[in-house]
C-alpha atoms as a PDB file:
ATOM      1  CA  UNK A   1      16.222  20.610 -45.765  1.00  0.00           C
ATOM      2  CA  UNK A   2      19.562  18.802 -46.190  1.00  0.00           C
ATOM      3  CA  UNK A   3      21.932  18.520 -43.267  1.00  0.00           C
ATOM      4  CA  UNK A   4      25.663  18.169 -43.503  1.00  0.00           C
ATOM      5  CA  UNK A   5      27.283  15.414 -41.381  1.00  0.00           C
ATOM      6  CA  UNK A   6      28.376  18.046 -38.798  1.00  0.00           C
ATOM      7  CA  UNK A   7      24.836  19.410 -38.620  1.00  0.00           C
ATOM      8  CA  UNK A   8      23.430  15.926 -38.118  1.00  0.00           C
ATOM      9  CA  UNK A   9      25.980  15.187 -35.411  1.00  0.00           C
ATOM     10  CA  UNK A  10      25.240  18.481 -33.650  1.00  0.00           C
ATOM     11  CA  UNK A  11      21.484  17.747 -33.891  1.00  0.00           C
ATOM     12  CA  UNK A  12      21.914  14.225 -32.417  1.00  0.00           C
ATOM     13  CA  UNK A  13      24.076  15.594 -29.637  1.00  0.00           C
ATOM     14  CA  UNK A  14      21.443  18.130 -28.749  1.00  0.00           C
ATOM     15  CA  UNK A  15      18.721  15.458 -28.593  1.00  0.00           C
ATOM     16  CA  UNK A  16      20.956  13.251 -26.411  1.00  0.00           C
ATOM     17  CA  UNK A  17      21.699  16.078 -24.013  1.00  0.00           C
ATOM     18  CA  UNK A  18      18.006  16.993 -23.824  1.00  0.00           C
ATOM     19  CA  UNK A  19      17.063  13.378 -23.036  1.00  0.00           C
ATOM     20  CA  UNK A  20      19.878  13.157 -20.444  1.00  0.00           C
ATOM     21  CA  UNK A  21      18.692  16.441 -18.900  1.00  0.00           C
ATOM     22  CA  UNK A  22      15.109  15.095 -18.725  1.00  0.00           C
ATOM     23  CA  UNK A  23      16.349  11.832 -17.108  1.00  0.00           C
ATOM     24  CA  UNK A  24      18.379  13.685 -14.504  1.00  0.00           C
ATOM     25  CA  UNK A  25      15.442  15.914 -13.744  1.00  0.00           C
ATOM     26  CA  UNK A  26      13.176  12.930 -13.223  1.00  0.00           C
ATOM     27  CA  UNK A  27      15.797  11.269 -10.955  1.00  0.00           C
ATOM     28  CA  UNK A  28      16.029  14.486  -8.927  1.00  0.00           C
ATOM     29  CA  UNK A  29      12.250  14.689  -8.537  1.00  0.00           C
ATOM     30  CA  UNK A  30      12.007  10.991  -7.603  1.00  0.00           C
ATOM     31  CA  UNK A  31      14.633  11.477  -4.899  1.00  0.00           C
ATOM     32  CA  UNK A  32      12.879  14.598  -3.690  1.00  0.00           C
ATOM     33  CA  UNK A  33       9.476  12.840  -3.614  1.00  0.00           C
ATOM     34  CA  UNK A  34      11.043   9.880  -1.734  1.00  0.00           C
ATOM     35  CA  UNK A  35      12.546  12.139   0.984  1.00  0.00           C
ATOM     36  CA  UNK A  36      15.932  10.446   0.519  1.00  0.00           C
ATOM     37  CA  UNK A  37      17.482  12.601   3.271  1.00  0.00           C
ATOM     38  CA  UNK A  38      15.633  10.423   5.768  1.00  0.00           C
ATOM     39  CA  UNK A  39      16.944   7.103   4.384  1.00  0.00           C
ATOM     40  CA  UNK A  40      19.911   7.032   6.871  1.00  0.00           C
ATOM     41  CA  UNK A  41      17.328   6.857   9.659  1.00  0.00           C
ATOM     42  CA  UNK A  42      15.705   3.827   7.888  1.00  0.00           C
ATOM     43  CA  UNK A  43      19.105   2.093   7.684  1.00  0.00           C
ATOM     44  CA  UNK A  44      19.884   2.798  11.296  1.00  0.00           C
ATOM     45  CA  UNK A  45      16.451   1.419  12.301  1.00  0.00           C
ATOM     46  CA  UNK A  46      17.135  -1.812  10.490  1.00  0.00           C
ATOM     47  CA  UNK A  47      20.592  -2.302  12.018  1.00  0.00           C
ATOM     48  CA  UNK A  48      19.489  -1.416  15.590  1.00  0.00           C
ATOM     49  CA  UNK A  49      16.399  -3.642  15.425  1.00  0.00           C
ATOM     50  CA  UNK A  50      18.463  -6.617  14.274  1.00  0.00           C
ATOM     51  CA  UNK A  51      21.112  -5.959  16.904  1.00  0.00           C
ATOM     52  CA  UNK A  52      18.808  -5.622  19.961  1.00  0.00           C
ATOM     53  CA  UNK A  53      16.682  -8.638  18.930  1.00  0.00           C
ATOM     54  CA  UNK A  54      19.830 -10.721  18.503  1.00  0.00           C
ATOM     55  CA  UNK A  55      21.057  -9.887  21.999  1.00  0.00           C
ATOM     56  CA  UNK A  56      17.782  -9.691  23.933  1.00  0.00           C
ATOM     57  CA  UNK A  57      16.147 -12.445  26.054  1.00  0.00           C
ATOM     58  CA  UNK A  58      12.695 -13.798  26.681  1.00  0.00           C
ATOM     59  CA  UNK A  59      12.235 -11.636  29.819  1.00  0.00           C
ATOM     60  CA  UNK A  60      13.178  -7.955  30.266  1.00  0.00           C
ATOM     61  CA  UNK A  61      14.933  -8.498  33.554  1.00  0.00           C
ATOM     62  CA  UNK A  62      17.801 -10.231  31.825  1.00  0.00           C
ATOM     63  CA  UNK A  63      20.553  -7.867  30.640  1.00  0.00           C
ATOM     64  CA  UNK A  64      21.119  -8.027  26.830  1.00  0.00           C
ATOM     65  CA  UNK A  65      24.196  -9.946  25.756  1.00  0.00           C
ATOM     66  CA  UNK A  66      27.266  -7.958  24.795  1.00  0.00           C
ATOM     67  CA  UNK A  67      28.218  -9.221  21.381  1.00  0.00           C
ATOM     68  CA  UNK A  68      30.645  -8.124  18.601  1.00  0.00           C
ATOM     69  CA  UNK A  69      29.909  -7.400  14.991  1.00  0.00           C
ATOM     70  CA  UNK A  70      30.675 -10.969  13.983  1.00  0.00           C
ATOM     71  CA  UNK A  71      27.382 -11.988  15.596  1.00  0.00           C
ATOM     72  CA  UNK A  72      25.499 -10.240  12.800  1.00  0.00           C
ATOM     73  CA  UNK A  73      24.960 -12.145   9.581  1.00  0.00           C
ATOM     74  CA  UNK A  74      25.847  -9.638   6.807  1.00  0.00           C
ATOM     75  CA  UNK A  75      24.174 -11.584   3.925  1.00  0.00           C
ATOM     76  CA  UNK A  76      20.545 -10.401   4.466  1.00  0.00           C
ATOM     77  CA  UNK A  77      21.500  -6.863   5.309  1.00  0.00           C
ATOM     78  CA  UNK A  78      21.835  -5.488   1.761  1.00  0.00           C
ATOM     79  CA  UNK A  79      18.375  -6.535   0.629  1.00  0.00           C
ATOM     80  CA  UNK A  80      17.027  -5.460   4.026  1.00  0.00           C
ATOM     81  CA  UNK A  81      18.432  -1.948   3.673  1.00  0.00           C
ATOM     82  CA  UNK A  82      17.439  -1.698  -0.003  1.00  0.00           C
ATOM     83  CA  UNK A  83      13.962  -3.076   0.554  1.00  0.00           C
ATOM     84  CA  UNK A  84      13.300  -0.857   3.548  1.00  0.00           C
ATOM     85  CA  UNK A  85      14.587   2.137   1.564  1.00  0.00           C
ATOM     86  CA  UNK A  86      12.205   1.382  -1.291  1.00  0.00           C
ATOM     87  CA  UNK A  87       9.260   1.033   1.054  1.00  0.00           C
ATOM     88  CA  UNK A  88      10.075   4.332   2.688  1.00  0.00           C
ATOM     89  CA  UNK A  89      10.547   6.138  -0.682  1.00  0.00           C
ATOM     90  CA  UNK A  90       7.351   4.545  -2.030  1.00  0.00           C
ATOM     91  CA  UNK A  91       5.351   5.677   0.932  1.00  0.00           C
ATOM     92  CA  UNK A  92       6.729   9.215   0.711  1.00  0.00           C
ATOM     93  CA  UNK A  93       6.086   9.334  -3.074  1.00  0.00           C
ATOM     94  CA  UNK A  94       2.517   8.208  -2.697  1.00  0.00           C
ATOM     95  CA  UNK A  95       2.119  10.769   0.110  1.00  0.00           C
ATOM     96  CA  UNK A  96       2.574  13.508  -2.458  1.00  0.00           C
ATOM     97  CA  UNK A  97       0.137  11.756  -4.765  1.00  0.00           C
ATOM     98  CA  UNK A  98      -2.518  11.653  -2.105  1.00  0.00           C
ATOM     99  CA  UNK A  99      -1.748  15.292  -1.009  1.00  0.00           C
ATOM    100  CA  UNK A 100      -2.032  16.972  -4.396  1.00  0.00           C
ATOM    101  CA  UNK A 101      -4.834  19.336  -3.454  1.00  0.00           C
ATOM    102  CA  UNK A 102      -3.346  20.233  -0.086  1.00  0.00           C
ATOM    103  CA  UNK A 103       0.080  20.915  -1.605  1.00  0.00           C
ATOM    104  CA  UNK A 104      -1.470  23.009  -4.312  1.00  0.00           C
ATOM    105  CA  UNK A 105      -2.669  25.345  -1.567  1.00  0.00           C
ATOM    106  CA  UNK A 106       0.107  25.158   1.064  1.00  0.00           C
ATOM    107  CA  UNK A 107       3.212  23.758  -0.785  1.00  0.00           C
ATOM    108  CA  UNK A 108       2.976  24.901  -4.411  1.00  0.00           C
ATOM    109  CA  UNK A 109       6.717  24.245  -4.834  1.00  0.00           C
ATOM    110  CA  UNK A 110       6.257  20.482  -4.517  1.00  0.00           C
ATOM    111  CA  UNK A 111       6.852  18.485  -7.746  1.00  0.00           C
ATOM    112  CA  UNK A 112       3.133  17.793  -8.571  1.00  0.00           C
ATOM    113  CA  UNK A 113       1.578  21.248  -8.046  1.00  0.00           C
ATOM    114  CA  UNK A 114       4.594  23.001  -9.625  1.00  0.00           C
ATOM    115  CA  UNK A 115       4.081  20.906 -12.782  1.00  0.00           C
ATOM    116  CA  UNK A 116       7.506  19.308 -12.563  1.00  0.00           C
ATOM    117  CA  UNK A 117       6.098  15.761 -12.788  1.00  0.00           C
ATOM    118  CA  UNK A 118       2.689  14.486 -13.721  1.00  0.00           C
ATOM    119  CA  UNK A 119       0.487  12.870 -11.035  1.00  0.00           C
ATOM    120  CA  UNK A 120       0.103   9.586 -12.999  1.00  0.00           C
ATOM    121  CA  UNK A 121       3.886   9.146 -13.028  1.00  0.00           C
ATOM    122  CA  UNK A 122       4.025   9.758  -9.285  1.00  0.00           C
ATOM    123  CA  UNK A 123       1.342   7.111  -8.628  1.00  0.00           C
ATOM    124  CA  UNK A 124       3.233   4.644 -10.827  1.00  0.00           C
ATOM    125  CA  UNK A 125       6.644   5.340  -9.283  1.00  0.00           C
ATOM    126  CA  UNK A 126       5.358   5.069  -5.659  1.00  0.00           C
ATOM    127  CA  UNK A 127       3.494   1.835  -6.348  1.00  0.00           C
ATOM    128  CA  UNK A 128       6.497   0.294  -8.079  1.00  0.00           C
ATOM    129  CA  UNK A 129       8.772   1.238  -5.165  1.00  0.00           C
ATOM    130  CA  UNK A 130       6.389  -0.329  -2.709  1.00  0.00           C
ATOM    131  CA  UNK A 131       6.020  -3.528  -4.694  1.00  0.00           C
ATOM    132  CA  UNK A 132       9.758  -3.960  -5.236  1.00  0.00           C
ATOM    133  CA  UNK A 133      10.463  -3.223  -1.611  1.00  0.00           C
ATOM    134  CA  UNK A 134       8.060  -5.868  -0.433  1.00  0.00           C
ATOM    135  CA  UNK A 135       9.616  -8.453  -2.750  1.00  0.00           C
ATOM    136  CA  UNK A 136      13.177  -7.646  -1.490  1.00  0.00           C
ATOM    137  CA  UNK A 137      12.182  -7.742   2.159  1.00  0.00           C
ATOM    138  CA  UNK A 138      10.205 -10.991   2.023  1.00  0.00           C
ATOM    139  CA  UNK A 139      12.057 -13.004  -0.623  1.00  0.00           C
ATOM    140  CA  UNK A 140      15.635 -11.757  -0.254  1.00  0.00           C
ATOM    141  CA  UNK A 141      15.998 -10.433   3.283  1.00  0.00           C
ATOM    142  CA  UNK A 142      13.622 -13.231   4.532  1.00  0.00           C
ATOM    143  CA  UNK A 143      11.691 -10.957   6.903  1.00  0.00           C
ATOM    144  CA  UNK A 144       8.449 -12.184   8.427  1.00  0.00           C
ATOM    145  CA  UNK A 145       5.750 -11.447   5.754  1.00  0.00           C
ATOM    146  CA  UNK A 146       3.148 -10.576   8.481  1.00  0.00           C
ATOM    147  CA  UNK A 147       5.050  -7.485   9.592  1.00  0.00           C
ATOM    148  CA  UNK A 148       5.967  -6.375   6.081  1.00  0.00           C
ATOM    149  CA  UNK A 149       2.352  -6.601   4.873  1.00  0.00           C
ATOM    150  CA  UNK A 150       1.198  -4.788   8.001  1.00  0.00           C
ATOM    151  CA  UNK A 151       3.826  -2.095   7.335  1.00  0.00           C
ATOM    152  CA  UNK A 152       2.672  -1.516   3.752  1.00  0.00           C
ATOM    153  CA  UNK A 153      -0.939  -1.282   4.783  1.00  0.00           C
ATOM    154  CA  UNK A 154      -0.031   1.248   7.462  1.00  0.00           C
ATOM    155  CA  UNK A 155       1.900   3.326   4.972  1.00  0.00           C
ATOM    156  CA  UNK A 156      -1.062   3.388   2.587  1.00  0.00           C
ATOM    157  CA  UNK A 157      -3.528   4.178   5.325  1.00  0.00           C
ATOM    158  CA  UNK A 158      -1.310   6.940   6.598  1.00  0.00           C
ATOM    159  CA  UNK A 159      -0.907   8.482   3.166  1.00  0.00           C
ATOM    160  CA  UNK A 160      -4.659   8.388   2.533  1.00  0.00           C
ATOM    161  CA  UNK A 161      -5.819   9.623   5.988  1.00  0.00           C
ATOM    162  CA  UNK A 162      -3.242  11.804   7.637  1.00  0.00           C
ATOM    163  CA  UNK A 163      -4.612  15.041   6.210  1.00  0.00           C
ATOM    164  CA  UNK A 164      -8.194  14.064   7.133  1.00  0.00           C
ATOM    165  CA  UNK A 165      -7.700  12.533  10.542  1.00  0.00           C
ATOM    166  CA  UNK A 166      -5.695  14.020  13.418  1.00  0.00           C
ATOM    167  CA  UNK A 167      -4.905  10.479  14.659  1.00  0.00           C
ATOM    168  CA  UNK A 168      -2.775   9.984  11.523  1.00  0.00           C
ATOM    169  CA  UNK A 169       0.249  10.861  13.571  1.00  0.00           C
ATOM    170  CA  UNK A 170      -0.169   7.536  15.352  1.00  0.00           C
ATOM    171  CA  UNK A 171      -0.080   5.729  12.020  1.00  0.00           C
ATOM    172  CA  UNK A 172       3.166   7.463  11.293  1.00  0.00           C
ATOM    173  CA  UNK A 173       4.631   6.170  14.541  1.00  0.00           C
ATOM    174  CA  UNK A 174       3.118   2.744  13.799  1.00  0.00           C
ATOM    175  CA  UNK A 175       4.950   2.614  10.426  1.00  0.00           C
ATOM    176  CA  UNK A 176       8.347   2.968  12.214  1.00  0.00           C
ATOM    177  CA  UNK A 177       7.336   0.353  14.798  1.00  0.00           C
ATOM    178  CA  UNK A 178       6.359  -2.123  12.077  1.00  0.00           C
ATOM    179  CA  UNK A 179       9.574  -1.329  10.126  1.00  0.00           C
ATOM    180  CA  UNK A 180      11.425  -2.091  13.425  1.00  0.00           C
ATOM    181  CA  UNK A 181       9.479  -5.379  13.853  1.00  0.00           C
ATOM    182  CA  UNK A 182      10.008  -6.473  10.289  1.00  0.00           C
ATOM    183  CA  UNK A 183      13.739  -5.739  10.372  1.00  0.00           C
ATOM    184  CA  UNK A 184      14.094  -7.641  13.637  1.00  0.00           C
ATOM    185  CA  UNK A 185      12.869 -10.806  11.852  1.00  0.00           C
ATOM    186  CA  UNK A 186      15.475 -10.443   9.067  1.00  0.00           C
ATOM    187  CA  UNK A 187      17.113 -13.763   8.123  1.00  0.00           C
ATOM    188  CA  UNK A 188      14.092 -15.838   9.160  1.00  0.00           C
ATOM    189  CA  UNK A 189      14.271 -14.902  12.776  1.00  0.00           C
ATOM    190  CA  UNK A 190      10.977 -16.101  14.302  1.00  0.00           C
ATOM    191  CA  UNK A 191      10.864 -14.383  17.693  1.00  0.00           C
ATOM    192  CA  UNK A 192      10.673 -10.685  18.506  1.00  0.00           C
ATOM    193  CA  UNK A 193      11.734 -10.233  22.140  1.00  0.00           C
ATOM    194  CA  UNK A 194      10.048  -7.923  24.651  1.00  0.00           C
ATOM    195  CA  UNK A 195      13.003  -5.592  24.809  1.00  0.00           C
ATOM    196  CA  UNK A 196      12.817  -5.157  21.021  1.00  0.00           C
ATOM    197  CA  UNK A 197       9.160  -4.163  21.311  1.00  0.00           C
ATOM    198  CA  UNK A 198       9.956  -1.701  24.106  1.00  0.00           C
ATOM    199  CA  UNK A 199      12.550   0.127  22.005  1.00  0.00           C
ATOM    200  CA  UNK A 200      10.417  -0.043  18.877  1.00  0.00           C
ATOM    201  CA  UNK A 201       7.520   1.550  20.789  1.00  0.00           C
ATOM    202  CA  UNK A 202       9.770   4.222  22.214  1.00  0.00           C
ATOM    203  CA  UNK A 203      10.919   5.047  18.675  1.00  0.00           C
ATOM    204  CA  UNK A 204       7.321   5.128  17.492  1.00  0.00           C
ATOM    205  CA  UNK A 205       6.336   7.691  20.099  1.00  0.00           C
ATOM    206  CA  UNK A 206       9.342   9.789  19.305  1.00  0.00           C
ATOM    207  CA  UNK A 207       8.163   9.868  15.679  1.00  0.00           C
ATOM    208  CA  UNK A 208       4.709  10.784  16.865  1.00  0.00           C
ATOM    209  CA  UNK A 209       6.238  13.696  18.792  1.00  0.00           C
ATOM    210  CA  UNK A 210       8.067  14.878  15.651  1.00  0.00           C
ATOM    211  CA  UNK A 211       4.792  14.535  13.630  1.00  0.00           C
ATOM    212  CA  UNK A 212       2.920  16.654  16.131  1.00  0.00           C
ATOM    213  CA  UNK A 213       5.461  19.464  15.649  1.00  0.00           C
ATOM    214  CA  UNK A 214       5.597  18.967  11.906  1.00  0.00           C
ATOM    215  CA  UNK A 215       1.849  19.495  11.598  1.00  0.00           C
ATOM    216  CA  UNK A 216       2.459  23.187  12.249  1.00  0.00           C
ATOM    217  CA  UNK A 217       5.027  23.511   9.502  1.00  0.00           C
ATOM    218  CA  UNK A 218       2.486  24.076   6.677  1.00  0.00           C
ATOM    219  CA  UNK A 219      -0.487  25.274   8.693  1.00  0.00           C
ATOM    220  CA  UNK A 220       1.327  27.803  10.868  1.00  0.00           C
ATOM    221  CA  UNK A 221       0.112  26.443  14.167  1.00  0.00           C
ATOM    222  CA  UNK A 222       1.813  28.162  17.072  1.00  0.00           C
ATOM    223  CA  UNK A 223       2.784  25.207  19.185  1.00  0.00           C
ATOM    224  CA  UNK A 224       2.428  21.451  19.414  1.00  0.00           C
ATOM    225  CA  UNK A 225       0.754  19.641  22.400  1.00  0.00           C
ATOM    226  CA  UNK A 226       3.026  19.480  25.456  1.00  0.00           C
ATOM    227  CA  UNK A 227       2.757  15.642  25.347  1.00  0.00           C
ATOM    228  CA  UNK A 228       4.893  15.742  22.231  1.00  0.00           C
ATOM    229  CA  UNK A 229       7.781  17.001  24.310  1.00  0.00           C
ATOM    230  CA  UNK A 230       7.540  13.952  26.534  1.00  0.00           C
ATOM    231  CA  UNK A 231       7.666  11.729  23.434  1.00  0.00           C
ATOM    232  CA  UNK A 232      10.756  13.453  22.162  1.00  0.00           C
ATOM    233  CA  UNK A 233      12.632  12.907  25.448  1.00  0.00           C
ATOM    234  CA  UNK A 234      11.252   9.330  25.627  1.00  0.00           C
ATOM    235  CA  UNK A 235      14.395   7.586  24.353  1.00  0.00           C
ATOM    236  CA  UNK A 236      16.611   9.242  26.976  1.00  0.00           C
ATOM    237  CA  UNK A 237      14.083   8.474  29.695  1.00  0.00           C
ATOM    238  CA  UNK A 238      13.746   4.742  28.703  1.00  0.00           C
ATOM    239  CA  UNK A 239      17.613   4.523  28.579  1.00  0.00           C
ATOM    240  CA  UNK A 240      17.786   5.937  32.075  1.00  0.00           C
ATOM    241  CA  UNK A 241      15.095   3.545  33.308  1.00  0.00           C
ATOM    242  CA  UNK A 242      17.051   0.692  31.827  1.00  0.00           C
ATOM    243  CA  UNK A 243      20.246   1.682  33.629  1.00  0.00           C
ATOM    244  CA  UNK A 244      18.318   1.791  36.915  1.00  0.00           C
ATOM    245  CA  UNK A 245      16.613  -1.528  36.091  1.00  0.00           C
ATOM    246  CA  UNK A 246      19.971  -3.204  35.222  1.00  0.00           C
ATOM    247  CA  UNK A 247      21.858  -1.716  38.125  1.00  0.00           C
ATOM    248  CA  UNK A 248      24.682  -4.252  37.639  1.00  0.00           C
ATOM    249  CA  UNK A 249      25.352  -3.407  34.050  1.00  0.00           C
ATOM    250  CA  UNK A 250      29.122  -3.236  33.300  1.00  0.00           C
ATOM    251  CA  UNK A 251      30.759   0.234  33.541  1.00  0.00           C
ATOM    252  CA  UNK A 252      31.675   0.458  29.856  1.00  0.00           C
ATOM    253  CA  UNK A 253      28.075   0.134  28.666  1.00  0.00           C
ATOM    254  CA  UNK A 254      26.859   2.394  31.444  1.00  0.00           C
ATOM    255  CA  UNK A 255      29.295   5.101  30.202  1.00  0.00           C
ATOM    256  CA  UNK A 256      28.259   4.653  26.556  1.00  0.00           C
ATOM    257  CA  UNK A 257      24.563   4.679  27.301  1.00  0.00           C
ATOM    258  CA  UNK A 258      24.951   7.919  29.339  1.00  0.00           C
ATOM    259  CA  UNK A 259      27.046   9.524  26.662  1.00  0.00           C
ATOM    260  CA  UNK A 260      24.670   8.724  23.744  1.00  0.00           C
ATOM    261  CA  UNK A 261      21.612   9.373  25.903  1.00  0.00           C
ATOM    262  CA  UNK A 262      22.805  12.850  26.710  1.00  0.00           C
ATOM    263  CA  UNK A 263      23.383  13.471  23.001  1.00  0.00           C
ATOM    264  CA  UNK A 264      19.804  12.580  21.929  1.00  0.00           C
ATOM    265  CA  UNK A 265      18.434  14.575  24.847  1.00  0.00           C
ATOM    266  CA  UNK A 266      20.425  17.577  23.707  1.00  0.00           C
ATOM    267  CA  UNK A 267      19.246  17.147  20.189  1.00  0.00           C
ATOM    268  CA  UNK A 268      15.659  17.081  21.361  1.00  0.00           C
ATOM    269  CA  UNK A 269      16.118  20.072  23.693  1.00  0.00           C
ATOM    270  CA  UNK A 270      17.830  22.170  21.016  1.00  0.00           C
ATOM    271  CA  UNK A 271      15.178  21.360  18.408  1.00  0.00           C
ATOM    272  CA  UNK A 272      12.347  22.235  20.751  1.00  0.00           C
ATOM    273  CA  UNK A 273      13.981  25.530  21.660  1.00  0.00           C
ATOM    274  CA  UNK A 274      14.410  26.364  18.019  1.00  0.00           C
ATOM    275  CA  UNK A 275      10.803  25.475  17.111  1.00  0.00           C
ATOM    276  CA  UNK A 276       9.403  27.387  20.061  1.00  0.00           C
ATOM    277  CA  UNK A 277      11.376  30.496  19.025  1.00  0.00           C
ATOM    278  CA  UNK A 278       8.805  31.471  16.464  1.00  0.00           C
ATOM    279  CA  UNK A 279      11.238  32.414  13.708  1.00  0.00           C
ATOM    280  CA  UNK A 280      10.371  31.725  10.097  1.00  0.00           C
ATOM    281  CA  UNK A 281      11.300  28.241   9.090  1.00  0.00           C
ATOM    282  CA  UNK A 282      12.090  27.257  12.704  1.00  0.00           C
ATOM    283  CA  UNK A 283       9.661  24.335  12.708  1.00  0.00           C
ATOM    284  CA  UNK A 284      11.056  22.855   9.515  1.00  0.00           C
ATOM    285  CA  UNK A 285      14.610  23.304  10.874  1.00  0.00           C
ATOM    286  CA  UNK A 286      13.761  21.596  14.208  1.00  0.00           C
ATOM    287  CA  UNK A 287      11.843  18.746  12.581  1.00  0.00           C
ATOM    288  CA  UNK A 288      14.723  18.004  10.270  1.00  0.00           C
ATOM    289  CA  UNK A 289      17.139  17.841  13.164  1.00  0.00           C
ATOM    290  CA  UNK A 290      14.812  15.542  15.089  1.00  0.00           C
ATOM    291  CA  UNK A 291      14.409  13.222  12.094  1.00  0.00           C
ATOM    292  CA  UNK A 292      18.181  12.986  11.775  1.00  0.00           C
ATOM    293  CA  UNK A 293      18.269  12.281  15.507  1.00  0.00           C
ATOM    294  CA  UNK A 294      16.560   8.925  14.950  1.00  0.00           C
ATOM    295  CA  UNK A 295      20.087   7.627  13.995  1.00  0.00           C
ATOM    296  CA  UNK A 296      21.321   8.716  17.523  1.00  0.00           C
ATOM    297  CA  UNK A 297      18.355   6.865  19.115  1.00  0.00           C
ATOM    298  CA  UNK A 298      19.455   3.718  17.312  1.00  0.00           C
ATOM    299  CA  UNK A 299      23.026   4.292  18.491  1.00  0.00           C
ATOM    300  CA  UNK A 300      21.602   4.507  22.050  1.00  0.00           C
ATOM    301  CA  UNK A 301      19.814   1.167  21.558  1.00  0.00           C
ATOM    302  CA  UNK A 302      22.956  -0.673  20.373  1.00  0.00           C
ATOM    303  CA  UNK A 303      24.902   0.752  23.293  1.00  0.00           C
ATOM    304  CA  UNK A 304      23.226  -1.912  25.384  1.00  0.00           C
ATOM    305  CA  UNK A 305      24.158  -4.796  23.096  1.00  0.00           C
ATOM    306  CA  UNK A 306      26.729  -4.227  20.365  1.00  0.00           C
ATOM    307  CA  UNK A 307      28.745  -1.085  21.276  1.00  0.00           C
ATOM    308  CA  UNK A 308      30.867  -1.447  18.067  1.00  0.00           C
ATOM    309  CA  UNK A 309      27.813  -0.307  16.084  1.00  0.00           C
ATOM    310  CA  UNK A 310      27.611   3.019  17.926  1.00  0.00           C
ATOM    311  CA  UNK A 311      30.123   4.867  15.751  1.00  0.00           C
ATOM    312  CA  UNK A 312      28.654   3.766  12.435  1.00  0.00           C
ATOM    313  CA  UNK A 313      25.140   4.689  13.466  1.00  0.00           C
ATOM    314  CA  UNK A 314      26.264   8.073  14.798  1.00  0.00           C
ATOM    315  CA  UNK A 315      27.906   8.730  11.441  1.00  0.00           C
ATOM    316  CA  UNK A 316      24.498   8.348   9.797  1.00  0.00           C
ATOM    317  CA  UNK A 317      23.243  11.430  11.647  1.00  0.00           C
ATOM    318  CA  UNK A 318      25.590  13.918   9.957  1.00  0.00           C
ATOM    319  CA  UNK A 319      24.985  12.070   6.644  1.00  0.00           C
ATOM    320  CA  UNK A 320      21.251  12.702   6.980  1.00  0.00           C
ATOM    321  CA  UNK A 321      21.869  16.356   7.832  1.00  0.00           C
ATOM    322  CA  UNK A 322      24.157  16.735   4.821  1.00  0.00           C
ATOM    323  CA  UNK A 323      21.611  15.209   2.440  1.00  0.00           C
ATOM    324  CA  UNK A 324      18.938  17.512   3.938  1.00  0.00           C
ATOM    325  CA  UNK A 325      20.870  20.461   2.352  1.00  0.00           C
ATOM    326  CA  UNK A 326      19.889  19.172  -1.098  1.00  0.00           C
ATOM    327  CA  UNK A 327      16.603  17.311  -0.463  1.00  0.00           C
ATOM    328  CA  UNK A 328      13.980  18.408   2.056  1.00  0.00           C
ATOM    329  CA  UNK A 329      13.340  16.048   4.933  1.00  0.00           C
ATOM    330  CA  UNK A 330       9.609  16.903   5.175  1.00  0.00           C
END
């Protein structure tokens, strides 16, 4: 059949629009698989870990130094944030690849069981994100390879085991701790100070607390172990203990720590009340709020060392909540 020039132009335009639509659909699914709504929490983790490790000392008794933003070297931050984001997205993407059978039963709307994207493409995408993230963190951000490799292994073990082993929630917390440790070594920093480990461990247990509640989202469990509540209030408790420990901390930082500490405690309390309410979707709502609350925990951490970072980190919390309206956090 012969086509006129206008017919050929219209046909070419239709093909172009179809390809563009397919590309946009793939990008949307890739962002959905990568849980991009949680990326602000990854960025805040990286900034807070660098900040506290820069200002901490060899022994916990010493009060962290109060420094301004000029103390932070901005050059390694872009590859640090990009590399950490790729690792997180790669881990979440592979999580869907490992959970195909589970999602087919409990979450049929996910990209793989719904047929929106083939499993082989998900495996390829997740692996590529992990590989690129490792390269950026080690070669460009100059993080300590030991912690980055340990983080990748923890991500893979979590993805493979979390549906088969109840202790998988500890691996989830361990992933955040290792991200914290890796970020703290950004720019070839060789030492991770005790205070950095304390806050990283506190964050890890907070994430474990979230994971214990999240386990009920798909399986309709009625309530999480009571210990998870202690984990969720852990950051506020540790901050209060630090104020008592450093009883000569200057009034400005005392005020800021109390203010941000009350905010994260309120977020935890409100989310727990919502999840315990028993309404449909309450667990998913509460878990999403707790995940976004990680940014507030990081703001609490920097209250002790670089107060000028508090506002930027707090702004990442509403950003995470806004992205959650388009992409699910869990």
